[in-house]
Amino acid sequence: MAESIGNPRFFAAFLAVVCVLLAIDLGVFHRKVHTVTLKEALAWSIAWVVLSGLFGTWVYMEFGRRHALEFFTGYLVEYALSVDNIFVFILIFSYFAVPSKLHHRVLFWGILGALIMRGSFIFAGAKLIQTFHWIIYLFGAFLIFAGIKILLQKGETEVKPGRNPVVRLFERVMPMASGYGEGSFFVKQTGRWVATPLALVLVTVETTDLVFALDSIPAIFGVTTDWFIVFTSNICAILGLRSMYFLLAAVVDRFVYLGMGLGIVLSFIGVKMVLSDVYPVGIEASLIVVAAILAGSVILSLIKPRKH
């Protein structure tokens, strides 16, 4: 593994705090199935951002300015990409007609699976970059391609769960119940366990996040190759995704130019990775460019809505 500021003690402590926070979230505040209110979503969104800010401050005090800037830049990139995830989640929930009171349950377990999946991707990516330095150029080229593709699509996202091969396989091999019931993923009927449609929704969310991870994780490696910074910034952003979903679900379609802004950001980071050995870009400049592009796309969306 490439040299990192992280060590087993820091890593274990970070995971322990994450597990405690998730346990409190599900076991205390969302023990009963209910529709998350705007006030509740706002409170949780602020809480996750503050906690991430505190962690970034700890990185600054413990390891210095450069690593803290890397954390906040990676966090900003992943948080912005998460907005695109929210739009896709809205489409998925609409496609399957999921009751609003069950959205949090799907997002909780979906993001828990995403933490495990993304952690595996990050450690594998860090090992590949350490062993084969040229992989950084491949990541860069992929991000340029992904960014251009988003720009050609004008930031629009299309989701077709019915064409997802994993979803289709799940429907074939797993007997399905007819309704959502009380929000369980599996129920026992006539002596055997069957999946509810909520399990199918969870599979769709997980496989969709897998696709998003193919963009977001290489993008953060374009900011830093320190696996601890990559992992923690990614996880901090993902943890705030559930509350941000309930906060932005009603207005996310208002940010019509954000997708195009993300395409430019991915292309910028891709070029930065490809030219890293020829013309390295400082982390301060990267943070300013990324923040300016995202802020510009949001402001443009607010003052000049695109006609659909």
C-alpha atoms as a PDB file:
ATOM      1  CA  MET A   1       0.000   0.000   0.000  1.00  0.00           C
ATOM      2  CA  ALA A   2       1.223   3.478  -0.825  1.00  0.00           C
ATOM      3  CA  GLU A   3       2.604   5.613   2.005  1.00  0.00           C
ATOM      4  CA  SER A   4      -0.217   7.252   3.893  1.00  0.00           C
ATOM      5  CA  ILE A   5      -0.859   9.408   6.936  1.00  0.00           C
ATOM      6  CA  GLY A   6      -3.260   6.721   8.097  1.00  0.00           C
ATOM      7  CA  ASN A   7      -2.326   3.902  10.452  1.00  0.00           C
ATOM      8  CA  PRO A   8      -4.302   0.950  11.869  1.00  0.00           C
ATOM      9  CA  ARG A   9      -5.190   2.926  15.017  1.00  0.00           C
ATOM     10  CA  PHE A  10      -6.578   5.929  13.117  1.00  0.00           C
ATOM     11  CA  PHE A  11      -8.395   3.671  10.669  1.00  0.00           C
ATOM     12  CA  ALA A  12      -9.986   1.571  13.420  1.00  0.00           C
ATOM     13  CA  ALA A  13     -11.021   4.677  15.347  1.00  0.00           C
ATOM     14  CA  PHE A  14     -12.611   6.233  12.244  1.00  0.00           C
ATOM     15  CA  LEU A  15     -14.578   3.056  11.474  1.00  0.00           C
ATOM     16  CA  ALA A  16     -15.679   2.759  15.113  1.00  0.00           C
ATOM     17  CA  VAL A  17     -17.061   6.317  15.107  1.00  0.00           C
ATOM     18  CA  VAL A  18     -18.861   5.687  11.797  1.00  0.00           C
ATOM     19  CA  CYS A  19     -20.439   2.488  13.142  1.00  0.00           C
ATOM     20  CA  VAL A  20     -21.600   4.253  16.328  1.00  0.00           C
ATOM     21  CA  LEU A  21     -23.138   7.119  14.346  1.00  0.00           C
ATOM     22  CA  LEU A  22     -24.946   4.708  12.008  1.00  0.00           C
ATOM     23  CA  ALA A  23     -26.212   2.675  14.966  1.00  0.00           C
ATOM     24  CA  ILE A  24     -27.568   5.834  16.608  1.00  0.00           C
ATOM     25  CA  ASP A  25     -29.156   6.908  13.327  1.00  0.00           C
ATOM     26  CA  LEU A  26     -30.993   3.618  12.729  1.00  0.00           C
ATOM     27  CA  GLY A  27     -31.474   2.367  16.281  1.00  0.00           C
ATOM     28  CA  VAL A  28     -32.542   5.615  17.956  1.00  0.00           C
ATOM     29  CA  PHE A  29     -33.750   8.282  15.544  1.00  0.00           C
ATOM     30  CA  HIS A  30     -35.185   6.000  12.856  1.00  0.00           C
ATOM     31  CA  ARG A  31     -36.174   2.953  14.870  1.00  0.00           C
ATOM     32  CA  LYS A  32     -39.766   3.458  13.752  1.00  0.00           C
ATOM     33  CA  VAL A  33     -40.565   3.681  10.046  1.00  0.00           C
ATOM     34  CA  HIS A  34     -41.683   7.211   9.194  1.00  0.00           C
ATOM     35  CA  THR A  35     -41.481   9.865   6.520  1.00  0.00           C
ATOM     36  CA  VAL A  36     -38.444  12.090   7.108  1.00  0.00           C
ATOM     37  CA  THR A  37     -39.493  15.725   7.468  1.00  0.00           C
ATOM     38  CA  LEU A  38     -37.666  18.689   5.946  1.00  0.00           C
ATOM     39  CA  LYS A  39     -36.695  19.935   9.423  1.00  0.00           C
ATOM     40  CA  GLU A  40     -35.262  16.537  10.364  1.00  0.00           C
ATOM     41  CA  ALA A  41     -33.347  16.286   7.077  1.00  0.00           C
ATOM     42  CA  LEU A  42     -31.904  19.780   7.536  1.00  0.00           C
ATOM     43  CA  ALA A  43     -30.744  18.990  11.068  1.00  0.00           C
ATOM     44  CA  TRP A  44     -29.041  15.758   9.986  1.00  0.00           C
ATOM     45  CA  SER A  45     -27.465  17.414   6.918  1.00  0.00           C
ATOM     46  CA  ILE A  46     -25.935  20.136   9.093  1.00  0.00           C
ATOM     47  CA  ALA A  47     -24.776  17.543  11.615  1.00  0.00           C
ATOM     48  CA  TRP A  48     -22.966  15.437   8.994  1.00  0.00           C
ATOM     49  CA  VAL A  49     -21.302  18.504   7.431  1.00  0.00           C
ATOM     50  CA  VAL A  50     -20.169  19.747  10.860  1.00  0.00           C
ATOM     51  CA  LEU A  51     -18.781  16.330  11.787  1.00  0.00           C
ATOM     52  CA  SER A  52     -16.902  16.165   8.469  1.00  0.00           C
ATOM     53  CA  GLY A  53     -15.569  19.669   9.061  1.00  0.00           C
ATOM     54  CA  LEU A  54     -14.371  18.669  12.513  1.00  0.00           C
ATOM     55  CA  PHE A  55     -12.598  15.643  11.078  1.00  0.00           C
ATOM     56  CA  GLY A  56     -10.932  17.832   8.431  1.00  0.00           C
ATOM     57  CA  THR A  57      -9.844  20.203  11.213  1.00  0.00           C
ATOM     58  CA  TRP A  58      -8.321  17.256  13.064  1.00  0.00           C
ATOM     59  CA  VAL A  59      -6.422  16.289   9.900  1.00  0.00           C
ATOM     60  CA  TYR A  60      -5.111  19.879   9.696  1.00  0.00           C
ATOM     61  CA  MET A  61      -3.967  19.923  13.323  1.00  0.00           C
ATOM     62  CA  GLU A  62      -2.440  16.436  13.146  1.00  0.00           C
ATOM     63  CA  PHE A  63      -0.910  16.353   9.654  1.00  0.00           C
ATOM     64  CA  GLY A  64      -0.825  19.895   8.322  1.00  0.00           C
ATOM     65  CA  ARG A  65      -2.392  22.181   5.749  1.00  0.00           C
ATOM     66  CA  ARG A  66      -1.747  20.139   2.588  1.00  0.00           C
ATOM     67  CA  HIS A  67      -3.463  16.985   3.830  1.00  0.00           C
ATOM     68  CA  ALA A  68      -6.393  19.010   5.166  1.00  0.00           C
ATOM     69  CA  LEU A  69      -6.830  20.710   1.786  1.00  0.00           C
ATOM     70  CA  GLU A  70      -6.705  17.293   0.109  1.00  0.00           C
ATOM     71  CA  PHE A  71      -9.434  16.048   2.440  1.00  0.00           C
ATOM     72  CA  PHE A  72     -11.717  19.034   1.872  1.00  0.00           C
ATOM     73  CA  THR A  73     -11.177  18.979  -1.906  1.00  0.00           C
ATOM     74  CA  GLY A  74     -11.973  15.260  -2.073  1.00  0.00           C
ATOM     75  CA  TYR A  75     -14.978  15.793   0.199  1.00  0.00           C
ATOM     76  CA  LEU A  76     -16.266  18.621  -2.002  1.00  0.00           C
ATOM     77  CA  VAL A  77     -15.895  16.566  -5.201  1.00  0.00           C
ATOM     78  CA  GLU A  78     -17.649  13.529  -3.735  1.00  0.00           C
ATOM     79  CA  TYR A  79     -20.377  15.625  -2.116  1.00  0.00           C
ATOM     80  CA  ALA A  80     -21.106  17.319  -5.433  1.00  0.00           C
ATOM     81  CA  LEU A  81     -21.205  13.978  -7.235  1.00  0.00           C
ATOM     82  CA  SER A  82     -23.648  12.769  -4.587  1.00  0.00           C
ATOM     83  CA  VAL A  83     -26.201  15.311  -5.812  1.00  0.00           C
ATOM     84  CA  ASP A  84     -26.306  13.383  -9.078  1.00  0.00           C
ATOM     85  CA  ASN A  85     -26.882  10.222  -7.036  1.00  0.00           C
ATOM     86  CA  ILE A  86     -29.878  11.914  -5.411  1.00  0.00           C
ATOM     87  CA  PHE A  87     -31.500  12.575  -8.774  1.00  0.00           C
ATOM     88  CA  VAL A  88     -31.044   8.907  -9.689  1.00  0.00           C
ATOM     89  CA  PHE A  89     -32.478   7.759  -6.348  1.00  0.00           C
ATOM     90  CA  ILE A  90     -35.553   9.898  -7.011  1.00  0.00           C
ATOM     91  CA  LEU A  91     -36.012   8.179 -10.371  1.00  0.00           C
ATOM     92  CA  ILE A  92     -35.571   4.723  -8.827  1.00  0.00           C
ATOM     93  CA  PHE A  93     -38.079   5.355  -6.026  1.00  0.00           C
ATOM     94  CA  SER A  94     -40.526   6.796  -8.542  1.00  0.00           C
ATOM     95  CA  TYR A  95     -40.066   3.849 -10.931  1.00  0.00           C
ATOM     96  CA  PHE A  96     -40.839   1.309  -8.188  1.00  0.00           C
ATOM     97  CA  ALA A  97     -43.479   3.514  -6.474  1.00  0.00           C
ATOM     98  CA  VAL A  98     -41.756   3.181  -3.093  1.00  0.00           C
ATOM     99  CA  PRO A  99     -43.779   4.718  -0.202  1.00  0.00           C
ATOM    100  CA  SER A 100     -42.011   7.814   1.168  1.00  0.00           C
ATOM    101  CA  LYS A 101     -41.834   6.348   4.678  1.00  0.00           C
ATOM    102  CA  LEU A 102     -39.589   3.541   3.360  1.00  0.00           C
ATOM    103  CA  HIS A 103     -37.075   5.739   1.543  1.00  0.00           C
ATOM    104  CA  HIS A 104     -34.810   6.102   4.569  1.00  0.00           C
ATOM    105  CA  ARG A 105     -34.634   2.342   5.142  1.00  0.00           C
ATOM    106  CA  VAL A 106     -33.491   1.708   1.564  1.00  0.00           C
ATOM    107  CA  LEU A 107     -30.976   4.564   1.651  1.00  0.00           C
ATOM    108  CA  PHE A 108     -29.561   3.455   5.019  1.00  0.00           C
ATOM    109  CA  TRP A 109     -28.808  -0.091   3.950  1.00  0.00           C
ATOM    110  CA  GLY A 110     -27.871   1.019   0.446  1.00  0.00           C
ATOM    111  CA  ILE A 111     -25.274   3.436   1.750  1.00  0.00           C
ATOM    112  CA  LEU A 112     -24.013   0.872   4.263  1.00  0.00           C
ATOM    113  CA  GLY A 113     -23.359  -1.446   1.311  1.00  0.00           C
ATOM    114  CA  ALA A 114     -21.787   1.452  -0.582  1.00  0.00           C
ATOM    115  CA  LEU A 115     -19.320   2.031   2.277  1.00  0.00           C
ATOM    116  CA  ILE A 116     -18.090  -1.550   2.046  1.00  0.00           C
ATOM    117  CA  MET A 117     -17.978  -1.553  -1.745  1.00  0.00           C
ATOM    118  CA  ARG A 118     -16.219   1.793  -2.050  1.00  0.00           C
ATOM    119  CA  GLY A 119     -13.745   0.866   0.663  1.00  0.00           C
ATOM    120  CA  SER A 120     -12.755  -2.199  -1.354  1.00  0.00           C
ATOM    121  CA  PHE A 121     -12.410  -0.104  -4.514  1.00  0.00           C
ATOM    122  CA  ILE A 122     -10.269   2.503  -2.754  1.00  0.00           C
ATOM    123  CA  PHE A 123      -7.805   0.010  -1.288  1.00  0.00           C
ATOM    124  CA  ALA A 124      -7.576  -1.825  -4.617  1.00  0.00           C
ATOM    125  CA  GLY A 125      -7.028   1.465  -6.460  1.00  0.00           C
ATOM    126  CA  ALA A 126      -4.336   2.595  -4.024  1.00  0.00           C
ATOM    127  CA  LYS A 127      -2.523  -0.733  -4.421  1.00  0.00           C
ATOM    128  CA  LEU A 128      -2.741  -0.537  -8.224  1.00  0.00           C
ATOM    129  CA  ILE A 129      -1.352   3.014  -8.293  1.00  0.00           C
ATOM    130  CA  GLN A 130       1.500   1.978  -6.013  1.00  0.00           C
ATOM    131  CA  THR A 131       2.354  -1.075  -8.134  1.00  0.00           C
ATOM    132  CA  PHE A 132       1.619   0.334 -11.586  1.00  0.00           C
ATOM    133  CA  HIS A 133       2.089   4.105 -11.690  1.00  0.00           C
ATOM    134  CA  TRP A 134       0.753   4.260 -15.243  1.00  0.00           C
ATOM    135  CA  ILE A 135      -2.696   3.390 -13.865  1.00  0.00           C
ATOM    136  CA  ILE A 136      -3.004   7.062 -12.898  1.00  0.00           C
ATOM    137  CA  TYR A 137      -3.004   7.935 -16.619  1.00  0.00           C
ATOM    138  CA  LEU A 138      -5.702   5.329 -17.275  1.00  0.00           C
ATOM    139  CA  PHE A 139      -7.830   6.789 -14.478  1.00  0.00           C
ATOM    140  CA  GLY A 140      -7.292  10.249 -15.919  1.00  0.00           C
ATOM    141  CA  ALA A 141      -8.291   9.208 -19.432  1.00  0.00           C
ATOM    142  CA  PHE A 142     -11.405   7.508 -18.059  1.00  0.00           C
ATOM    143  CA  LEU A 143     -12.423  10.663 -16.182  1.00  0.00           C
ATOM    144  CA  ILE A 144     -11.932  12.809 -19.286  1.00  0.00           C
ATOM    145  CA  PHE A 145     -14.132  10.396 -21.232  1.00  0.00           C
ATOM    146  CA  ALA A 146     -16.769  10.384 -18.452  1.00  0.00           C
ATOM    147  CA  GLY A 147     -16.734  14.177 -18.225  1.00  0.00           C
ATOM    148  CA  ILE A 148     -17.126  14.635 -21.978  1.00  0.00           C
ATOM    149  CA  LYS A 149     -19.947  12.087 -22.024  1.00  0.00           C
ATOM    150  CA  ILE A 150     -21.801  14.041 -19.325  1.00  0.00           C
ATOM    151  CA  LEU A 151     -21.299  17.288 -21.250  1.00  0.00           C
ATOM    152  CA  LEU A 152     -22.598  15.736 -24.480  1.00  0.00           C
ATOM    153  CA  GLN A 153     -25.669  14.548 -22.574  1.00  0.00           C
ATOM    154  CA  LYS A 154     -26.011  18.102 -21.197  1.00  0.00           C
ATOM    155  CA  GLY A 155     -25.912  16.765 -17.651  1.00  0.00           C
ATOM    156  CA  GLU A 156     -29.066  14.715 -18.051  1.00  0.00           C
ATOM    157  CA  THR A 157     -29.348  11.318 -16.369  1.00  0.00           C
ATOM    158  CA  GLU A 158     -31.480   8.408 -17.475  1.00  0.00           C
ATOM    159  CA  VAL A 159     -32.235   5.356 -15.358  1.00  0.00           C
ATOM    160  CA  LYS A 160     -33.826   2.155 -16.646  1.00  0.00           C
ATOM    161  CA  PRO A 161     -33.897  -0.420 -13.821  1.00  0.00           C
ATOM    162  CA  GLY A 162     -35.702  -2.879 -16.094  1.00  0.00           C
ATOM    163  CA  ARG A 163     -32.552  -3.124 -18.234  1.00  0.00           C
ATOM    164  CA  ASN A 164     -30.208  -3.630 -15.279  1.00  0.00           C
ATOM    165  CA  PRO A 165     -28.822  -7.194 -15.670  1.00  0.00           C
ATOM    166  CA  VAL A 166     -28.361  -7.627 -11.902  1.00  0.00           C
ATOM    167  CA  VAL A 167     -31.969  -6.593 -11.269  1.00  0.00           C
ATOM    168  CA  ARG A 168     -33.239  -8.914 -13.982  1.00  0.00           C
ATOM    169  CA  LEU A 169     -31.219 -11.812 -12.548  1.00  0.00           C
ATOM    170  CA  PHE A 170     -32.529 -11.096  -9.043  1.00  0.00           C
ATOM    171  CA  GLU A 171     -36.116 -11.174 -10.321  1.00  0.00           C
ATOM    172  CA  ARG A 172     -35.500 -14.532 -12.012  1.00  0.00           C
ATOM    173  CA  VAL A 173     -33.845 -16.407  -9.154  1.00  0.00           C
ATOM    174  CA  MET A 174     -35.678 -14.914  -6.166  1.00  0.00           C
ATOM    175  CA  PRO A 175     -39.409 -15.468  -5.488  1.00  0.00           C
ATOM    176  CA  MET A 176     -41.111 -12.117  -4.935  1.00  0.00           C
ATOM    177  CA  ALA A 177     -43.859 -10.958  -2.590  1.00  0.00           C
ATOM    178  CA  SER A 178     -46.626  -8.771  -3.977  1.00  0.00           C
ATOM    179  CA  GLY A 179     -46.393  -5.723  -1.676  1.00  0.00           C
ATOM    180  CA  TYR A 180     -44.017  -3.643   0.442  1.00  0.00           C
ATOM    181  CA  GLY A 181     -45.654  -4.681   3.701  1.00  0.00           C
ATOM    182  CA  GLU A 182     -44.107  -3.082   6.796  1.00  0.00           C
ATOM    183  CA  GLY A 183     -40.795  -2.309   5.129  1.00  0.00           C
ATOM    184  CA  SER A 184     -38.960  -5.634   5.411  1.00  0.00           C
ATOM    185  CA  PHE A 185     -36.683  -6.792   2.629  1.00  0.00           C
ATOM    186  CA  PHE A 186     -37.689 -10.442   3.072  1.00  0.00           C
ATOM    187  CA  VAL A 187     -40.850 -12.039   4.480  1.00  0.00           C
ATOM    188  CA  LYS A 188     -41.969 -15.607   5.113  1.00  0.00           C
ATOM    189  CA  GLN A 189     -44.929 -16.796   3.051  1.00  0.00           C
ATOM    190  CA  THR A 190     -46.333 -20.335   2.960  1.00  0.00           C
ATOM    191  CA  GLY A 191     -43.286 -21.698   4.754  1.00  0.00           C
ATOM    192  CA  ARG A 192     -40.589 -20.095   2.602  1.00  0.00           C
ATOM    193  CA  TRP A 193     -38.711 -16.815   2.502  1.00  0.00           C
ATOM    194  CA  VAL A 194     -39.495 -14.482  -0.367  1.00  0.00           C
ATOM    195  CA  ALA A 195     -38.164 -11.041  -1.303  1.00  0.00           C
ATOM    196  CA  THR A 196     -40.338  -7.954  -1.164  1.00  0.00           C
ATOM    197  CA  PRO A 197     -40.130  -5.298  -3.888  1.00  0.00           C
ATOM    198  CA  LEU A 198     -38.066  -3.274  -1.377  1.00  0.00           C
ATOM    199  CA  ALA A 199     -35.229  -5.791  -1.752  1.00  0.00           C
ATOM    200  CA  LEU A 200     -35.363  -5.260  -5.509  1.00  0.00           C
ATOM    201  CA  VAL A 201     -35.160  -1.503  -4.963  1.00  0.00           C
ATOM    202  CA  LEU A 202     -32.119  -2.008  -2.713  1.00  0.00           C
ATOM    203  CA  VAL A 203     -30.400  -4.118  -5.392  1.00  0.00           C
ATOM    204  CA  THR A 204     -31.083  -1.372  -7.935  1.00  0.00           C
ATOM    205  CA  VAL A 205     -29.662   1.317  -5.629  1.00  0.00           C
ATOM    206  CA  GLU A 206     -26.528  -0.744  -4.926  1.00  0.00           C
ATOM    207  CA  THR A 207     -25.792  -1.516  -8.568  1.00  0.00           C
ATOM    208  CA  THR A 208     -26.423   2.121  -9.513  1.00  0.00           C
ATOM    209  CA  ASP A 209     -23.977   3.279  -6.836  1.00  0.00           C
ATOM    210  CA  LEU A 210     -21.440   0.847  -8.276  1.00  0.00           C
ATOM    211  CA  VAL A 211     -21.621   2.760 -11.553  1.00  0.00           C
ATOM    212  CA  PHE A 212     -21.213   6.100  -9.764  1.00  0.00           C
ATOM    213  CA  ALA A 213     -18.214   4.764  -7.831  1.00  0.00           C
ATOM    214  CA  LEU A 214     -16.416   4.159 -11.125  1.00  0.00           C
ATOM    215  CA  ASP A 215     -16.432   7.957 -11.612  1.00  0.00           C
ATOM    216  CA  SER A 216     -16.098   9.293  -8.093  1.00  0.00           C
ATOM    217  CA  ILE A 217     -13.265   7.129  -6.754  1.00  0.00           C
ATOM    218  CA  PRO A 218     -10.830   7.803  -9.646  1.00  0.00           C
ATOM    219  CA  ALA A 219     -11.775  11.489  -9.298  1.00  0.00           C
ATOM    220  CA  ILE A 220     -10.630  11.583  -5.672  1.00  0.00           C
ATOM    221  CA  PHE A 221      -7.414   9.754  -6.587  1.00  0.00           C
ATOM    222  CA  GLY A 222      -6.871  12.719  -8.910  1.00  0.00           C
ATOM    223  CA  VAL A 223      -6.824  14.903  -5.787  1.00  0.00           C
ATOM    224  CA  THR A 224      -4.570  12.697  -3.654  1.00  0.00           C
ATOM    225  CA  THR A 225      -3.193   9.159  -3.697  1.00  0.00           C
ATOM    226  CA  ASP A 226      -3.191   8.923   0.106  1.00  0.00           C
ATOM    227  CA  TRP A 227      -5.622   6.052   0.691  1.00  0.00           C
ATOM    228  CA  PHE A 228      -6.602   7.317   4.162  1.00  0.00           C
ATOM    229  CA  ILE A 229      -7.597  10.750   2.829  1.00  0.00           C
ATOM    230  CA  VAL A 230      -9.381   9.175  -0.151  1.00  0.00           C
ATOM    231  CA  PHE A 231     -11.294   6.768   2.079  1.00  0.00           C
ATOM    232  CA  THR A 232     -12.292   9.223   4.806  1.00  0.00           C
ATOM    233  CA  SER A 233     -13.334  12.032   2.436  1.00  0.00           C
ATOM    234  CA  ASN A 234     -15.414   9.575   0.395  1.00  0.00           C
ATOM    235  CA  ILE A 235     -17.092   8.053   3.447  1.00  0.00           C
ATOM    236  CA  CYS A 236     -17.819  11.431   5.072  1.00  0.00           C
ATOM    237  CA  ALA A 237     -19.561  12.614   1.909  1.00  0.00           C
ATOM    238  CA  ILE A 238     -21.520   9.360   1.508  1.00  0.00           C
ATOM    239  CA  LEU A 239     -22.731   9.472   5.135  1.00  0.00           C
ATOM    240  CA  GLY A 240     -24.414  12.801   4.487  1.00  0.00           C
ATOM    241  CA  LEU A 241     -26.080  11.586   1.311  1.00  0.00           C
ATOM    242  CA  ARG A 242     -29.219  10.169   2.991  1.00  0.00           C
ATOM    243  CA  SER A 243     -30.185  13.363   4.815  1.00  0.00           C
ATOM    244  CA  MET A 244     -29.248  15.465   1.794  1.00  0.00           C
ATOM    245  CA  TYR A 245     -31.605  13.315  -0.297  1.00  0.00           C
ATOM    246  CA  PHE A 246     -34.593  14.298   1.851  1.00  0.00           C
ATOM    247  CA  LEU A 247     -33.422  17.914   1.903  1.00  0.00           C
ATOM    248  CA  LEU A 248     -32.944  18.286  -1.858  1.00  0.00           C
ATOM    249  CA  ALA A 249     -35.368  15.727  -3.327  1.00  0.00           C
ATOM    250  CA  ALA A 250     -38.037  18.335  -3.942  1.00  0.00           C
ATOM    251  CA  VAL A 251     -35.714  20.892  -5.546  1.00  0.00           C
ATOM    252  CA  VAL A 252     -32.845  18.882  -7.067  1.00  0.00           C
ATOM    253  CA  ASP A 253     -34.284  19.285 -10.563  1.00  0.00           C
ATOM    254  CA  ARG A 254     -33.813  23.042 -10.076  1.00  0.00           C
ATOM    255  CA  PHE A 255     -30.014  22.625 -10.399  1.00  0.00           C
ATOM    256  CA  VAL A 256     -30.187  21.901 -14.108  1.00  0.00           C
ATOM    257  CA  TYR A 257     -26.603  22.939 -14.868  1.00  0.00           C
ATOM    258  CA  LEU A 258     -24.973  21.072 -11.985  1.00  0.00           C
ATOM    259  CA  GLY A 259     -24.580  17.918 -14.089  1.00  0.00           C
ATOM    260  CA  MET A 260     -22.653  19.880 -16.705  1.00  0.00           C
ATOM    261  CA  GLY A 261     -20.535  21.399 -13.954  1.00  0.00           C
ATOM    262  CA  LEU A 262     -19.710  17.900 -12.709  1.00  0.00           C
ATOM    263  CA  GLY A 263     -18.722  16.920 -16.253  1.00  0.00           C
ATOM    264  CA  ILE A 264     -16.257  19.837 -16.364  1.00  0.00           C
ATOM    265  CA  VAL A 265     -14.906  18.915 -12.912  1.00  0.00           C
ATOM    266  CA  LEU A 266     -14.330  15.280 -13.922  1.00  0.00           C
ATOM    267  CA  SER A 267     -12.600  16.393 -17.139  1.00  0.00           C
ATOM    268  CA  PHE A 268     -10.408  18.863 -15.211  1.00  0.00           C
ATOM    269  CA  ILE A 269      -9.341  16.200 -12.701  1.00  0.00           C
ATOM    270  CA  GLY A 270      -8.732  13.747 -15.550  1.00  0.00           C
ATOM    271  CA  VAL A 271      -6.439  16.219 -17.346  1.00  0.00           C
ATOM    272  CA  LYS A 272      -4.716  16.916 -14.026  1.00  0.00           C
ATOM    273  CA  MET A 273      -4.017  13.191 -13.594  1.00  0.00           C
ATOM    274  CA  VAL A 274      -2.751  12.713 -17.156  1.00  0.00           C
ATOM    275  CA  LEU A 275      -0.377  15.688 -16.813  1.00  0.00           C
ATOM    276  CA  SER A 276       0.604  14.956 -13.200  1.00  0.00           C
ATOM    277  CA  ASP A 277       4.227  14.058 -14.059  1.00  0.00           C
ATOM    278  CA  VAL A 278       4.641  16.864 -16.611  1.00  0.00           C
ATOM    279  CA  TYR A 279       2.758  19.797 -15.097  1.00  0.00           C
ATOM    280  CA  PRO A 280       1.566  19.058 -11.549  1.00  0.00           C
ATOM    281  CA  VAL A 281      -1.300  21.239 -10.310  1.00  0.00           C
ATOM    282  CA  GLY A 282      -1.146  22.329  -6.675  1.00  0.00           C
ATOM    283  CA  ILE A 283      -3.877  21.257  -4.276  1.00  0.00           C
ATOM    284  CA  GLU A 284      -4.808  24.899  -3.549  1.00  0.00           C
ATOM    285  CA  ALA A 285      -5.380  25.569  -7.250  1.00  0.00           C
ATOM    286  CA  SER A 286      -7.383  22.339  -7.589  1.00  0.00           C
ATOM    287  CA  LEU A 287      -9.661  23.282  -4.695  1.00  0.00           C
ATOM    288  CA  ILE A 288     -10.249  26.777  -6.115  1.00  0.00           C
ATOM    289  CA  VAL A 289     -11.018  25.452  -9.615  1.00  0.00           C
ATOM    290  CA  VAL A 290     -13.388  22.724  -8.389  1.00  0.00           C
ATOM    291  CA  ALA A 291     -15.213  25.073  -6.004  1.00  0.00           C
ATOM    292  CA  ALA A 292     -15.518  27.777  -8.689  1.00  0.00           C
ATOM    293  CA  ILE A 293     -16.941  25.378 -11.294  1.00  0.00           C
ATOM    294  CA  LEU A 294     -19.497  23.889  -8.902  1.00  0.00           C
ATOM    295  CA  ALA A 295     -20.514  27.265  -7.500  1.00  0.00           C
ATOM    296  CA  GLY A 296     -20.824  28.679 -11.021  1.00  0.00           C
ATOM    297  CA  SER A 297     -23.071  25.808 -12.167  1.00  0.00           C
ATOM    298  CA  VAL A 298     -25.337  26.220  -9.119  1.00  0.00           C
ATOM    299  CA  ILE A 299     -25.573  30.004  -9.521  1.00  0.00           C
ATOM    300  CA  LEU A 300     -26.273  29.655 -13.251  1.00  0.00           C
ATOM    301  CA  SER A 301     -29.037  27.152 -12.466  1.00  0.00           C
ATOM    302  CA  LEU A 302     -30.659  29.589 -10.058  1.00  0.00           C
ATOM    303  CA  ILE A 303     -30.543  32.666 -12.273  1.00  0.00           C
ATOM    304  CA  LYS A 304     -31.136  31.040 -15.642  1.00  0.00           C
ATOM    305  CA  PRO A 305     -33.231  27.837 -15.439  1.00  0.00           C
ATOM    306  CA  ARG A 306     -33.007  25.663 -18.532  1.00  0.00           C
ATOM    307  CA  LYS A 307     -36.274  24.978 -20.327  1.00  0.00           C
ATOM    308  CA  HIS A 308     -37.199  21.267 -20.404  1.00  0.00           C
END
